[in-house]
């Protein structure tokens, strides 16, 4: 398990949770460019369960209180809303496949009456992050981001998820897990995705992971100076 990297001397205020090392390293490169001192960055694993457990453990044992938790990484973008190399910040984090299939279609856990599949990101923190990106000349959409345990690989699944969450701009596999762990500790949370591929038919030859990691790095270079 990856040990957390701390870019600070004291008084850490913001926790960043990625899935894998490549994302974590991109975040660290961005923060290091501006000498950020108030971030902890961890790779929590792939999928909502792994990152929920890792985030909860970090929040419980860090020895200081975080003012914000950011789920960060690369992900798929819905065509027409987020292109490859662009950034999306979540206004809502939605666990898009948490529910049940029925003869009449998919029912979310909300519709089943068993809980909620949606967590609103922290609006004031989102505005701070968006302002930092704008100041750095980086465009970013503010829209729902989907969390899925199986990445979308067909046009039919993409269309279903767009119908279930109108306006969704991106999907990843960790945001809801990070957000639910933060919510249980009373800590604000949001999600940032850099787009590496289009949501829809799976075509690895069209993925641009390097471009997405560079966009993620640039985003956190912009975030480095944000006041906690």
Protein backbone atom coordinates (compact mmCIF):
# COMPACT_ATOMS: atom_id res chain seq x y z
CA UNK A 1 0.00 0.00 0.00
CA UNK A 2 1.31 3.44 -0.92
CA UNK A 3 2.43 5.65 1.91
CA UNK A 4 1.00 9.17 1.79
CA UNK A 5 3.15 11.93 0.32
CA UNK A 6 2.96 15.12 2.31
CA UNK A 7 3.93 18.41 0.70
CA UNK A 8 4.14 20.51 3.85
CA UNK A 9 6.06 21.39 6.94
CA UNK A 10 2.99 21.45 9.17
CA UNK A 11 -0.73 22.18 9.26
CA UNK A 12 -1.95 20.04 6.37
CA UNK A 13 -5.44 21.09 5.33
CA UNK A 14 -6.37 19.34 2.06
CA UNK A 15 -6.36 15.61 1.30
CA UNK A 16 -6.17 14.43 -2.32
CA UNK A 17 -7.11 10.81 -3.08
CA UNK A 18 -6.26 9.25 -6.44
CA UNK A 19 -6.73 5.68 -7.57
CA UNK A 20 -3.28 4.78 -8.92
CA UNK A 21 0.32 5.90 -8.66
CA UNK A 22 0.44 7.60 -12.08
CA UNK A 23 -2.39 9.94 -11.03
CA UNK A 24 -0.80 10.58 -7.65
CA UNK A 25 2.51 11.45 -9.28
CA UNK A 26 0.79 13.89 -11.67
CA UNK A 27 -0.88 15.63 -8.73
CA UNK A 28 2.43 15.82 -6.88
CA UNK A 29 4.22 17.27 -9.90
CA UNK A 30 1.62 20.01 -10.15
CA UNK A 31 1.73 20.87 -6.46
CA UNK A 32 5.52 20.83 -6.38
CA UNK A 33 5.75 23.43 -9.15
CA UNK A 34 4.20 26.01 -6.83
CA UNK A 35 5.68 24.79 -3.54
CA UNK A 36 2.36 23.85 -1.98
CA UNK A 37 2.58 23.16 1.74
CA UNK A 38 -0.93 22.17 2.73
CA UNK A 39 -1.69 18.95 0.84
CA UNK A 40 -1.51 15.23 1.58
CA UNK A 41 -1.73 13.02 -1.52
CA UNK A 42 -2.48 9.29 -1.43
CA UNK A 43 -3.24 6.56 -3.97
CA UNK A 44 -6.19 4.72 -2.44
CA UNK A 45 -6.76 1.96 -4.99
CA UNK A 46 -9.17 1.34 -7.84
CA UNK A 47 -12.92 1.40 -7.27
CA UNK A 48 -15.24 2.96 -4.69
CA UNK A 49 -14.73 0.34 -1.96
CA UNK A 50 -10.93 0.58 -1.93
CA UNK A 51 -10.81 4.37 -1.82
CA UNK A 52 -13.62 4.63 0.72
CA UNK A 53 -11.69 2.42 3.13
CA UNK A 54 -8.40 4.23 2.52
CA UNK A 55 -9.95 7.69 2.80
CA UNK A 56 -11.79 6.82 6.00
CA UNK A 57 -8.60 5.46 7.54
CA UNK A 58 -6.65 8.56 6.56
CA UNK A 59 -9.27 10.92 7.97
CA UNK A 60 -9.43 8.96 11.23
CA UNK A 61 -5.69 8.69 11.84
CA UNK A 62 -4.10 11.78 10.29
CA UNK A 63 -3.78 13.69 13.57
CA UNK A 64 -5.23 16.86 12.10
CA UNK A 65 -8.54 17.88 10.57
CA UNK A 66 -8.81 18.34 6.84
CA UNK A 67 -10.81 21.22 5.43
CA UNK A 68 -11.36 19.50 2.07
CA UNK A 69 -11.00 16.09 0.45
CA UNK A 70 -10.54 15.92 -3.35
CA UNK A 71 -11.07 12.76 -5.36
CA UNK A 72 -8.75 13.30 -8.32
CA UNK A 73 -7.76 11.38 -11.41
CA UNK A 74 -8.32 10.77 -15.08
CA UNK A 75 -11.59 9.51 -16.49
CA UNK A 76 -14.01 9.31 -19.36
CA UNK A 77 -15.78 12.34 -20.78
CA UNK A 78 -19.25 12.41 -22.29
CA UNK A 79 -18.98 13.66 -25.89
CA UNK A 80 -20.16 17.23 -26.29
CA UNK A 81 -19.60 18.00 -22.60
CA UNK A 82 -15.96 17.18 -21.88
CA UNK A 83 -13.33 16.49 -24.52
CA UNK A 84 -10.05 14.63 -24.12
CA UNK A 85 -7.55 16.75 -22.20
CA UNK A 86 -10.23 18.90 -20.58
CA UNK A 87 -11.12 19.14 -16.90
CA UNK A 88 -14.38 18.53 -15.02
CA UNK A 89 -15.21 19.42 -11.42
CA UNK A 90 -18.22 17.64 -9.93
CA UNK A 91 -21.17 19.64 -8.70
CA UNK A 92 -22.73 16.27 -7.83
CA UNK A 93 -21.04 12.90 -7.41
CA UNK A 94 -23.36 10.08 -8.48
CA UNK A 95 -22.93 6.34 -7.97
CA UNK A 96 -24.47 5.55 -11.34
CA UNK A 97 -24.71 1.77 -11.07
CA UNK A 98 -25.83 1.52 -7.43
CA UNK A 99 -29.30 0.04 -7.67
CA UNK A 100 -31.12 -2.82 -9.38
CA UNK A 101 -32.12 -3.93 -12.83
CA UNK A 102 -35.84 -4.58 -13.28
CA UNK A 103 -37.99 -5.71 -16.22
CA UNK A 104 -38.89 -2.03 -16.65
CA UNK A 105 -35.35 -0.72 -16.50
CA UNK A 106 -32.75 0.33 -13.94
CA UNK A 107 -33.83 1.63 -10.53
CA UNK A 108 -31.37 3.63 -8.46
CA UNK A 109 -30.88 2.92 -4.78
CA UNK A 110 -32.82 6.16 -4.15
CA UNK A 111 -35.82 4.83 -6.05
CA UNK A 112 -35.56 1.52 -4.20
CA UNK A 113 -35.70 3.40 -0.89
CA UNK A 114 -32.41 2.01 0.42
CA UNK A 115 -30.33 5.18 0.63
CA UNK A 116 -28.83 7.66 -1.78
CA UNK A 117 -26.59 7.43 -4.80
CA UNK A 118 -25.82 11.16 -4.87
CA UNK A 119 -23.57 13.42 -2.87
CA UNK A 120 -23.40 17.13 -3.60
CA UNK A 121 -19.89 18.54 -3.81
CA UNK A 122 -19.04 21.51 -1.61
CA UNK A 123 -20.16 24.55 -3.63
CA UNK A 124 -17.88 27.15 -2.01
CA UNK A 125 -14.80 24.98 -2.43
CA UNK A 126 -15.78 24.33 -6.04
CA UNK A 127 -15.92 28.04 -6.70
CA UNK A 128 -12.44 28.47 -5.21
CA UNK A 129 -11.06 25.69 -7.39
CA UNK A 130 -12.77 27.03 -10.52
CA UNK A 131 -11.39 30.51 -9.82
CA UNK A 132 -7.86 29.10 -9.55
CA UNK A 133 -8.25 27.28 -12.86
CA UNK A 134 -9.63 30.37 -14.57
CA UNK A 135 -6.72 32.41 -13.24
CA UNK A 136 -4.35 29.90 -14.81
CA UNK A 137 -6.20 29.99 -18.12
CA UNK A 138 -7.55 26.45 -17.74
CA UNK A 139 -11.11 25.73 -18.87
CA UNK A 140 -13.21 23.44 -16.71
CA UNK A 141 -16.77 22.18 -16.77
CA UNK A 142 -18.85 22.08 -13.58
CA UNK A 143 -21.24 19.13 -13.91
CA UNK A 144 -22.22 15.78 -12.41
CA UNK A 145 -19.49 13.15 -12.41
CA UNK A 146 -20.52 9.50 -12.35
CA UNK A 147 -18.86 6.82 -10.25
CA UNK A 148 -19.06 3.35 -11.79
CA UNK A 149 -17.63 -0.01 -10.80
CA UNK A 150 -17.50 -1.08 -14.45
CA UNK A 151 -16.36 1.57 -16.92
CA UNK A 152 -18.76 2.27 -19.76
CA UNK A 153 -17.84 0.33 -22.90
CA UNK A 154 -20.87 0.50 -25.19
CA UNK A 155 -23.05 3.17 -26.74
CA UNK A 156 -26.11 1.62 -25.08
CA UNK A 157 -24.64 1.90 -21.58
CA UNK A 158 -23.47 5.45 -22.26
CA UNK A 159 -26.98 6.42 -23.37
CA UNK A 160 -28.54 4.77 -20.30
CA UNK A 161 -26.22 6.63 -17.93
CA UNK A 162 -26.87 9.92 -19.68
CA UNK A 163 -30.60 9.36 -19.25
CA UNK A 164 -30.21 8.48 -15.58
CA UNK A 165 -28.03 11.53 -14.84
CA UNK A 166 -28.85 14.32 -17.30
CA UNK A 167 -25.94 16.67 -17.85
CA UNK A 168 -23.26 14.27 -16.60
CA UNK A 169 -19.90 15.28 -18.08
CA UNK A 170 -17.51 12.60 -16.86
CA UNK A 171 -17.18 9.22 -15.22
CA UNK A 172 -14.60 7.65 -12.94
CA UNK A 173 -14.45 4.76 -10.51
CA UNK A 174 -13.65 6.37 -7.16
CA UNK A 175 -15.44 9.67 -6.52
CA UNK A 176 -18.45 8.36 -4.62
CA UNK A 177 -16.28 6.21 -2.35
CA UNK A 178 -14.09 9.18 -1.42
CA UNK A 179 -17.09 11.46 -0.96
CA UNK A 180 -19.06 9.07 1.27
CA UNK A 181 -16.03 8.57 3.53
CA UNK A 182 -15.56 12.33 3.80
CA UNK A 183 -19.27 12.90 4.45
CA UNK A 184 -19.27 10.43 7.33
CA UNK A 185 -16.47 12.45 8.93
CA UNK A 186 -18.18 15.78 8.23
CA UNK A 187 -15.46 16.93 5.84
CA UNK A 188 -16.30 18.77 2.58
CA UNK A 189 -15.45 16.90 -0.61
CA UNK A 190 -15.34 17.33 -4.36
CA UNK A 191 -14.05 15.50 -7.43
CA UNK A 192 -11.74 16.58 -10.25
CA UNK A 193 -11.38 14.54 -13.45
CA UNK A 194 -9.03 15.08 -16.40
CA UNK A 195 -10.47 13.44 -19.50
CA UNK A 196 -8.50 10.64 -21.16
CA UNK A 197 -11.18 9.06 -23.36
CA UNK A 198 -14.73 9.40 -24.55
CA UNK A 199 -17.50 7.62 -22.64
CA UNK A 200 -18.99 5.04 -25.01
CA UNK A 201 -17.69 2.17 -27.14
CA UNK A 202 -14.38 1.00 -25.71
CA UNK A 203 -11.50 1.97 -28.04
CA UNK A 204 -8.12 1.88 -26.32
CA UNK A 205 -6.39 3.24 -29.42
CA UNK A 206 -8.24 6.55 -28.93
CA UNK A 207 -7.30 7.00 -25.28
CA UNK A 208 -4.91 9.83 -24.46
CA UNK A 209 -3.75 9.02 -20.95
CA UNK A 210 -0.64 11.17 -21.19
CA UNK A 211 -2.67 14.22 -22.17
CA UNK A 212 -5.07 13.62 -19.29
CA UNK A 213 -2.27 13.22 -16.74
CA UNK A 214 -0.71 16.48 -17.96
CA UNK A 215 -4.08 18.22 -17.57
CA UNK A 216 -4.33 16.83 -14.03
CA UNK A 217 -0.83 18.10 -13.27
CA UNK A 218 -1.73 21.55 -14.60
CA UNK A 219 -4.89 21.64 -12.52
CA UNK A 220 -3.03 21.00 -9.29
CA UNK A 221 -0.35 23.50 -10.17
CA UNK A 222 -3.23 25.98 -10.27
CA UNK A 223 -4.70 24.67 -7.02
CA UNK A 224 -1.37 24.82 -5.19
CA UNK A 225 -1.76 28.39 -4.02
CA UNK A 226 -5.38 28.13 -2.93
CA UNK A 227 -6.05 29.44 0.54
CA UNK A 228 -7.29 26.63 2.82
